[in-house]
Amino acid sequence: MIIRDNIVKLLFVFTLAGFIVGLWFGVNIGKGNALYENPLADPDVLEEAHDSADEQGLIDQGKDYLKEKKEQAKDKVKNIVEEL
């Protein structure tokens, strides 16, 4: 009985592993990618997100915010140094 249980466990593990690898390869083949590439990676998502943020002006707002915070930090450091 112990041998039979081990064989069933191994069969289950190999079936599950085969399914996962087959799904990985199948998605890549369907997308036209190389077999070893990550099927979940979508390079267009980053590009679309950047374009969307640029259209809404978020990138410029972020740059302005960082410049403002940089100046504030410089002023604080300058005040601390002057106090010493």
Protein backbone atom coordinates (compact mmCIF):
# COMPACT_ATOMS: atom_id res chain seq x y z
CA MET A 1 0.00 0.00 0.00
CA ILE A 2 2.84 2.41 0.78
CA ILE A 3 4.35 1.89 -2.67
CA ARG A 4 0.99 2.49 -4.33
CA ASP A 5 0.49 5.74 -2.37
CA ASN A 6 3.92 6.97 -3.39
CA ILE A 7 3.23 6.15 -7.03
CA VAL A 8 -0.08 8.06 -6.90
CA LYS A 9 1.65 11.06 -5.29
CA LEU A 10 4.40 11.04 -7.92
CA LEU A 11 1.85 10.72 -10.70
CA PHE A 12 -0.07 13.69 -9.32
CA VAL A 13 3.08 15.82 -8.95
CA PHE A 14 4.30 15.03 -12.48
CA THR A 15 0.84 15.66 -13.93
CA LEU A 16 0.62 19.03 -12.17
CA ALA A 17 4.16 19.98 -13.27
CA GLY A 18 3.38 18.94 -16.85
CA PHE A 19 0.22 21.03 -16.83
CA ILE A 20 2.06 24.11 -15.56
CA VAL A 21 4.90 23.77 -18.08
CA GLY A 22 2.42 23.06 -20.88
CA LEU A 23 0.39 26.14 -19.95
CA TRP A 24 3.57 28.27 -19.89
CA PHE A 25 4.66 27.05 -23.34
CA GLY A 26 1.13 27.22 -24.73
CA VAL A 27 0.63 30.85 -23.77
CA ASN A 28 4.02 31.78 -25.23
CA ILE A 29 3.27 29.94 -28.47
CA GLY A 30 -0.11 31.66 -28.64
CA LYS A 31 1.48 35.08 -28.21
CA GLY A 32 4.25 34.28 -30.66
CA ASN A 33 6.98 34.63 -28.02
CA ALA A 34 9.96 32.41 -27.37
CA LEU A 35 9.14 29.44 -25.14
CA TYR A 36 11.35 30.59 -22.25
CA GLU A 37 9.91 34.12 -21.99
CA ASN A 38 7.59 35.15 -19.18
CA PRO A 39 4.05 34.75 -20.51
CA LEU A 40 2.71 37.22 -17.94
CA ALA A 41 5.02 40.06 -18.96
CA ASP A 42 3.30 42.56 -21.21
CA PRO A 43 5.68 45.28 -22.44
CA ASP A 44 2.80 47.29 -23.87
CA VAL A 45 1.35 47.90 -20.41
CA LEU A 46 4.28 50.07 -19.31
CA GLU A 47 4.23 51.99 -22.55
CA GLU A 48 0.48 52.59 -22.33
CA ALA A 49 0.75 53.67 -18.68
CA HIS A 50 3.52 56.15 -19.52
CA ASP A 51 1.57 57.57 -22.46
CA SER A 52 -1.58 57.90 -20.36
CA ALA A 53 0.29 59.66 -17.54
CA ASP A 54 1.95 61.97 -20.05
CA GLU A 55 -1.39 62.88 -21.63
CA GLN A 56 -2.83 63.82 -18.24
CA GLY A 57 0.22 65.90 -17.35
CA LEU A 58 1.15 63.73 -14.39
CA ILE A 59 4.79 63.51 -15.38
CA ASP A 60 5.16 67.28 -15.49
CA GLN A 61 3.32 67.62 -12.19
CA GLY A 62 5.65 65.06 -10.65
CA LYS A 63 8.72 66.90 -11.91
CA ASP A 64 7.43 70.20 -10.51
CA TYR A 65 6.62 68.57 -7.17
CA LEU A 66 10.10 67.06 -6.92
CA LYS A 67 11.74 70.39 -7.76
CA GLU A 68 9.67 72.09 -5.06
CA LYS A 69 10.55 69.45 -2.45
CA LYS A 70 14.20 69.63 -3.46
CA GLU A 71 14.26 73.38 -2.83
CA GLN A 72 12.53 72.91 0.53
CA ALA A 73 15.10 70.30 1.56
CA LYS A 74 17.95 72.59 0.50
CA ASP A 75 16.49 75.43 2.57
CA LYS A 76 16.11 73.20 5.63
CA VAL A 77 19.68 71.96 5.36
CA LYS A 78 20.91 75.51 4.84
CA ASN A 79 19.07 76.65 7.99
CA ILE A 80 20.49 73.76 10.02
CA VAL A 81 24.02 74.51 8.85
CA GLU A 82 23.61 78.22 9.64
CA GLU A 83 22.42 77.39 13.16
CA LEU A 84 25.56 75.34 13.80
